[in-house]
């Protein structure tokens, strides 16, 4: 943790960040896709990007949304227009590590693993990586201004339908 994070991070803020991560995981695992965009500010960024591209500064991402409106479009697509073999997913998220804390802005990172269970099949590891987030304080509580889902494997399933 940087000196700035150690000095400026209040216990209440750390708990609110941990709760944001837990609520996010529960929402995307619940299958109620209308909940997902509500974790973000209007002018947000959401990227699902391979680790290699992220570390080399390459812009190519598997998914890239630049606003809450785009997230809402994706949620609508999941519910209404995308045809796929249905599955359940379950997130396991590590404790958030706050790298920088300011009064209304936090830079945070956490490891994640997503398991996928297709109907009548065993659960498998679906996606593993880390979240690199910018979280801001709003009148509605903490929200993501930016969420990078940096996944470790260069090999991913042929389609990623649900948010990571």
C-alpha atoms as a PDB file:
ATOM      1  CA  UNK A   1       0.000   0.000   0.000  1.00  0.00           C
ATOM      2  CA  UNK A   2       1.379   3.405  -0.852  1.00  0.00           C
ATOM      3  CA  UNK A   3       1.854   6.031   1.832  1.00  0.00           C
ATOM      4  CA  UNK A   4      -1.067   7.973   0.374  1.00  0.00           C
ATOM      5  CA  UNK A   5      -3.399   4.979   0.671  1.00  0.00           C
ATOM      6  CA  UNK A   6      -2.184   4.144   4.181  1.00  0.00           C
ATOM      7  CA  UNK A   7      -2.666   7.724   5.323  1.00  0.00           C
ATOM      8  CA  UNK A   8      -5.951   8.582   3.634  1.00  0.00           C
ATOM      9  CA  UNK A   9      -7.956   5.324   3.754  1.00  0.00           C
ATOM     10  CA  UNK A  10     -10.548   5.276   6.498  1.00  0.00           C
ATOM     11  CA  UNK A  11     -11.873   2.004   7.890  1.00  0.00           C
ATOM     12  CA  UNK A  12     -15.402   2.933   6.763  1.00  0.00           C
ATOM     13  CA  UNK A  13     -14.182   3.470   3.198  1.00  0.00           C
ATOM     14  CA  UNK A  14     -12.331   0.154   3.144  1.00  0.00           C
ATOM     15  CA  UNK A  15     -15.466  -1.630   4.342  1.00  0.00           C
ATOM     16  CA  UNK A  16     -17.592   0.194   1.733  1.00  0.00           C
ATOM     17  CA  UNK A  17     -15.169  -0.879  -1.006  1.00  0.00           C
ATOM     18  CA  UNK A  18     -15.268  -4.486   0.202  1.00  0.00           C
ATOM     19  CA  UNK A  19     -19.071  -4.324   0.242  1.00  0.00           C
ATOM     20  CA  UNK A  20     -19.119  -2.895  -3.315  1.00  0.00           C
ATOM     21  CA  UNK A  21     -17.041  -5.859  -4.508  1.00  0.00           C
ATOM     22  CA  UNK A  22     -19.271  -8.367  -2.707  1.00  0.00           C
ATOM     23  CA  UNK A  23     -22.487  -6.752  -3.969  1.00  0.00           C
ATOM     24  CA  UNK A  24     -21.128  -6.651  -7.529  1.00  0.00           C
ATOM     25  CA  UNK A  25     -20.244 -10.366  -7.439  1.00  0.00           C
ATOM     26  CA  UNK A  26     -23.665 -11.256  -6.047  1.00  0.00           C
ATOM     27  CA  UNK A  27     -25.413  -9.161  -8.700  1.00  0.00           C
ATOM     28  CA  UNK A  28     -23.596 -10.640 -11.693  1.00  0.00           C
ATOM     29  CA  UNK A  29     -24.001 -14.150 -10.276  1.00  0.00           C
ATOM     30  CA  UNK A  30     -27.734 -13.659  -9.699  1.00  0.00           C
ATOM     31  CA  UNK A  31     -28.630 -13.402 -13.385  1.00  0.00           C
ATOM     32  CA  UNK A  32     -30.557 -10.147 -12.845  1.00  0.00           C
ATOM     33  CA  UNK A  33     -28.659  -8.278 -15.552  1.00  0.00           C
ATOM     34  CA  UNK A  34     -30.397  -4.956 -14.914  1.00  0.00           C
ATOM     35  CA  UNK A  35     -28.418  -4.712 -11.649  1.00  0.00           C
ATOM     36  CA  UNK A  36     -25.016  -4.767 -13.360  1.00  0.00           C
ATOM     37  CA  UNK A  37     -24.945  -1.264 -14.938  1.00  0.00           C
ATOM     38  CA  UNK A  38     -26.057   0.335 -11.653  1.00  0.00           C
ATOM     39  CA  UNK A  39     -22.614  -0.312 -10.159  1.00  0.00           C
ATOM     40  CA  UNK A  40     -21.107   2.221 -12.583  1.00  0.00           C
ATOM     41  CA  UNK A  41     -21.162   5.982 -13.104  1.00  0.00           C
ATOM     42  CA  UNK A  42     -22.691   7.245 -16.366  1.00  0.00           C
ATOM     43  CA  UNK A  43     -19.344   8.033 -18.002  1.00  0.00           C
ATOM     44  CA  UNK A  44     -17.603   4.755 -17.126  1.00  0.00           C
ATOM     45  CA  UNK A  45     -15.193   2.333 -18.729  1.00  0.00           C
ATOM     46  CA  UNK A  46     -15.523  -1.454 -18.547  1.00  0.00           C
ATOM     47  CA  UNK A  47     -12.916  -3.619 -20.254  1.00  0.00           C
ATOM     48  CA  UNK A  48     -12.308  -7.337 -20.359  1.00  0.00           C
ATOM     49  CA  UNK A  49      -8.717  -7.537 -21.546  1.00  0.00           C
ATOM     50  CA  UNK A  50      -6.031 -10.241 -21.741  1.00  0.00           C
ATOM     51  CA  UNK A  51      -3.130  -9.784 -19.360  1.00  0.00           C
ATOM     52  CA  UNK A  52      -0.604  -9.729 -22.203  1.00  0.00           C
ATOM     53  CA  UNK A  53      -2.380  -6.853 -23.952  1.00  0.00           C
ATOM     54  CA  UNK A  54      -2.766  -4.909 -20.711  1.00  0.00           C
ATOM     55  CA  UNK A  55       0.894  -5.309 -19.705  1.00  0.00           C
ATOM     56  CA  UNK A  56       2.148  -4.326 -23.169  1.00  0.00           C
ATOM     57  CA  UNK A  57      -0.210  -1.351 -23.392  1.00  0.00           C
ATOM     58  CA  UNK A  58      -2.093  -2.809 -26.358  1.00  0.00           C
ATOM     59  CA  UNK A  59      -5.645  -1.429 -26.612  1.00  0.00           C
ATOM     60  CA  UNK A  60      -7.326  -4.584 -27.964  1.00  0.00           C
ATOM     61  CA  UNK A  61      -9.909  -5.871 -25.472  1.00  0.00           C
ATOM     62  CA  UNK A  62     -12.321  -8.802 -25.616  1.00  0.00           C
ATOM     63  CA  UNK A  63     -15.122  -6.509 -24.395  1.00  0.00           C
ATOM     64  CA  UNK A  64     -14.923  -2.706 -24.210  1.00  0.00           C
ATOM     65  CA  UNK A  65     -17.774  -0.455 -23.073  1.00  0.00           C
ATOM     66  CA  UNK A  66     -17.411   3.307 -22.638  1.00  0.00           C
ATOM     67  CA  UNK A  67     -20.606   4.301 -20.821  1.00  0.00           C
ATOM     68  CA  UNK A  68     -23.345   3.077 -18.544  1.00  0.00           C
ATOM     69  CA  UNK A  69     -25.632   3.213 -21.587  1.00  0.00           C
ATOM     70  CA  UNK A  70     -23.418   0.669 -23.350  1.00  0.00           C
ATOM     71  CA  UNK A  71     -23.582  -1.571 -20.269  1.00  0.00           C
ATOM     72  CA  UNK A  72     -27.374  -1.316 -20.348  1.00  0.00           C
ATOM     73  CA  UNK A  73     -27.339  -2.296 -24.028  1.00  0.00           C
ATOM     74  CA  UNK A  74     -25.232  -5.339 -23.177  1.00  0.00           C
ATOM     75  CA  UNK A  75     -27.610  -6.293 -20.345  1.00  0.00           C
ATOM     76  CA  UNK A  76     -30.533  -5.996 -22.757  1.00  0.00           C
ATOM     77  CA  UNK A  77     -28.676  -8.134 -25.281  1.00  0.00           C
ATOM     78  CA  UNK A  78     -28.009 -10.836 -22.700  1.00  0.00           C
ATOM     79  CA  UNK A  79     -31.698 -10.973 -21.759  1.00  0.00           C
ATOM     80  CA  UNK A  80     -33.373 -10.469 -25.114  1.00  0.00           C
ATOM     81  CA  UNK A  81     -31.193 -11.072 -28.156  1.00  0.00           C
ATOM     82  CA  UNK A  82     -28.222 -13.343 -27.491  1.00  0.00           C
ATOM     83  CA  UNK A  83     -28.794 -17.048 -28.006  1.00  0.00           C
ATOM     84  CA  UNK A  84     -26.401 -19.272 -26.104  1.00  0.00           C
ATOM     85  CA  UNK A  85     -26.137 -22.405 -24.037  1.00  0.00           C
ATOM     86  CA  UNK A  86     -27.289 -21.140 -20.609  1.00  0.00           C
ATOM     87  CA  UNK A  87     -24.976 -21.399 -17.627  1.00  0.00           C
ATOM     88  CA  UNK A  88     -24.558 -20.200 -14.077  1.00  0.00           C
ATOM     89  CA  UNK A  89     -21.497 -18.368 -12.916  1.00  0.00           C
ATOM     90  CA  UNK A  90     -20.023 -17.839  -9.483  1.00  0.00           C
ATOM     91  CA  UNK A  91     -17.406 -15.226  -8.590  1.00  0.00           C
ATOM     92  CA  UNK A  92     -14.807 -15.645  -5.873  1.00  0.00           C
ATOM     93  CA  UNK A  93     -13.151 -12.281  -5.258  1.00  0.00           C
ATOM     94  CA  UNK A  94     -10.085 -11.644  -3.120  1.00  0.00           C
ATOM     95  CA  UNK A  95      -9.792  -8.871  -0.585  1.00  0.00           C
ATOM     96  CA  UNK A  96      -9.503  -5.477  -2.272  1.00  0.00           C
ATOM     97  CA  UNK A  97      -6.082  -3.857  -2.149  1.00  0.00           C
ATOM     98  CA  UNK A  98      -6.307  -0.067  -2.135  1.00  0.00           C
ATOM     99  CA  UNK A  99      -3.345   1.456  -3.951  1.00  0.00           C
ATOM    100  CA  UNK A 100      -4.443   5.072  -3.689  1.00  0.00           C
ATOM    101  CA  UNK A 101      -7.106   6.750  -1.568  1.00  0.00           C
ATOM    102  CA  UNK A 102      -8.365  10.283  -1.958  1.00  0.00           C
ATOM    103  CA  UNK A 103     -11.472  11.886  -0.469  1.00  0.00           C
ATOM    104  CA  UNK A 104     -13.775  10.818  -3.313  1.00  0.00           C
ATOM    105  CA  UNK A 105     -11.624   8.518  -5.463  1.00  0.00           C
ATOM    106  CA  UNK A 106      -9.923   5.171  -4.887  1.00  0.00           C
ATOM    107  CA  UNK A 107      -7.597   3.056  -7.025  1.00  0.00           C
ATOM    108  CA  UNK A 108      -8.210  -0.556  -6.071  1.00  0.00           C
ATOM    109  CA  UNK A 109      -7.194  -4.023  -7.232  1.00  0.00           C
ATOM    110  CA  UNK A 110      -8.487  -7.504  -6.383  1.00  0.00           C
ATOM    111  CA  UNK A 111      -7.964 -11.002  -7.727  1.00  0.00           C
ATOM    112  CA  UNK A 112     -10.965 -12.907  -9.028  1.00  0.00           C
ATOM    113  CA  UNK A 113     -11.933 -16.374 -10.211  1.00  0.00           C
ATOM    114  CA  UNK A 114     -15.164 -17.112 -12.049  1.00  0.00           C
ATOM    115  CA  UNK A 115     -16.560 -20.627 -12.150  1.00  0.00           C
ATOM    116  CA  UNK A 116     -19.111 -21.684 -14.756  1.00  0.00           C
ATOM    117  CA  UNK A 117     -21.707 -24.412 -14.404  1.00  0.00           C
ATOM    118  CA  UNK A 118     -23.659 -25.519 -17.455  1.00  0.00           C
ATOM    119  CA  UNK A 119     -26.912 -27.318 -16.843  1.00  0.00           C
ATOM    120  CA  UNK A 120     -26.352 -31.027 -16.046  1.00  0.00           C
ATOM    121  CA  UNK A 121     -22.570 -30.609 -16.061  1.00  0.00           C
ATOM    122  CA  UNK A 122     -19.806 -30.146 -13.520  1.00  0.00           C
ATOM    123  CA  UNK A 123     -18.482 -26.723 -12.617  1.00  0.00           C
ATOM    124  CA  UNK A 124     -15.317 -25.537 -14.365  1.00  0.00           C
ATOM    125  CA  UNK A 125     -12.919 -22.644 -13.957  1.00  0.00           C
ATOM    126  CA  UNK A 126     -14.139 -20.107 -16.499  1.00  0.00           C
ATOM    127  CA  UNK A 127     -12.000 -16.989 -16.092  1.00  0.00           C
ATOM    128  CA  UNK A 128      -9.252 -15.954 -13.674  1.00  0.00           C
ATOM    129  CA  UNK A 129      -7.528 -12.612 -13.298  1.00  0.00           C
ATOM    130  CA  UNK A 130      -7.623  -9.342 -11.448  1.00  0.00           C
ATOM    131  CA  UNK A 131      -9.832  -6.298 -11.319  1.00  0.00           C
ATOM    132  CA  UNK A 132      -8.084  -2.954 -11.661  1.00  0.00           C
ATOM    133  CA  UNK A 133     -10.623  -0.356 -10.618  1.00  0.00           C
ATOM    134  CA  UNK A 134     -11.163   3.324 -10.137  1.00  0.00           C
ATOM    135  CA  UNK A 135     -13.982   3.793  -7.633  1.00  0.00           C
ATOM    136  CA  UNK A 136     -15.590   7.144  -6.946  1.00  0.00           C
ATOM    137  CA  UNK A 137     -17.896   8.430  -4.241  1.00  0.00           C
ATOM    138  CA  UNK A 138     -21.305   9.541  -5.573  1.00  0.00           C
ATOM    139  CA  UNK A 139     -24.537  10.692  -3.968  1.00  0.00           C
ATOM    140  CA  UNK A 140     -25.700   7.055  -4.354  1.00  0.00           C
ATOM    141  CA  UNK A 141     -22.595   5.599  -2.693  1.00  0.00           C
ATOM    142  CA  UNK A 142     -19.446   4.135  -4.209  1.00  0.00           C
ATOM    143  CA  UNK A 143     -19.499   3.350  -7.938  1.00  0.00           C
ATOM    144  CA  UNK A 144     -17.014   2.146 -10.517  1.00  0.00           C
ATOM    145  CA  UNK A 145     -15.666   4.865 -12.809  1.00  0.00           C
ATOM    146  CA  UNK A 146     -13.435   2.297 -14.468  1.00  0.00           C
ATOM    147  CA  UNK A 147     -13.259  -1.485 -14.218  1.00  0.00           C
ATOM    148  CA  UNK A 148     -10.574  -3.400 -16.049  1.00  0.00           C
ATOM    149  CA  UNK A 149     -11.006  -7.157 -15.845  1.00  0.00           C
ATOM    150  CA  UNK A 150      -7.516  -8.354 -16.744  1.00  0.00           C
ATOM    151  CA  UNK A 151      -7.656 -12.105 -17.312  1.00  0.00           C
ATOM    152  CA  UNK A 152      -4.557 -14.290 -17.078  1.00  0.00           C
ATOM    153  CA  UNK A 153      -5.058 -16.948 -19.756  1.00  0.00           C
ATOM    154  CA  UNK A 154      -4.619 -16.236 -23.425  1.00  0.00           C
ATOM    155  CA  UNK A 155      -7.139 -18.996 -24.039  1.00  0.00           C
ATOM    156  CA  UNK A 156     -10.759 -18.171 -23.269  1.00  0.00           C
ATOM    157  CA  UNK A 157     -14.017 -19.897 -24.145  1.00  0.00           C
ATOM    158  CA  UNK A 158     -15.369 -19.117 -27.593  1.00  0.00           C
ATOM    159  CA  UNK A 159     -17.880 -16.705 -26.098  1.00  0.00           C
ATOM    160  CA  UNK A 160     -18.135 -14.621 -22.987  1.00  0.00           C
ATOM    161  CA  UNK A 161     -21.757 -13.655 -22.552  1.00  0.00           C
ATOM    162  CA  UNK A 162     -22.108 -12.535 -18.945  1.00  0.00           C
ATOM    163  CA  UNK A 163     -20.093  -9.794 -17.219  1.00  0.00           C
ATOM    164  CA  UNK A 164     -16.969 -10.821 -15.372  1.00  0.00           C
END
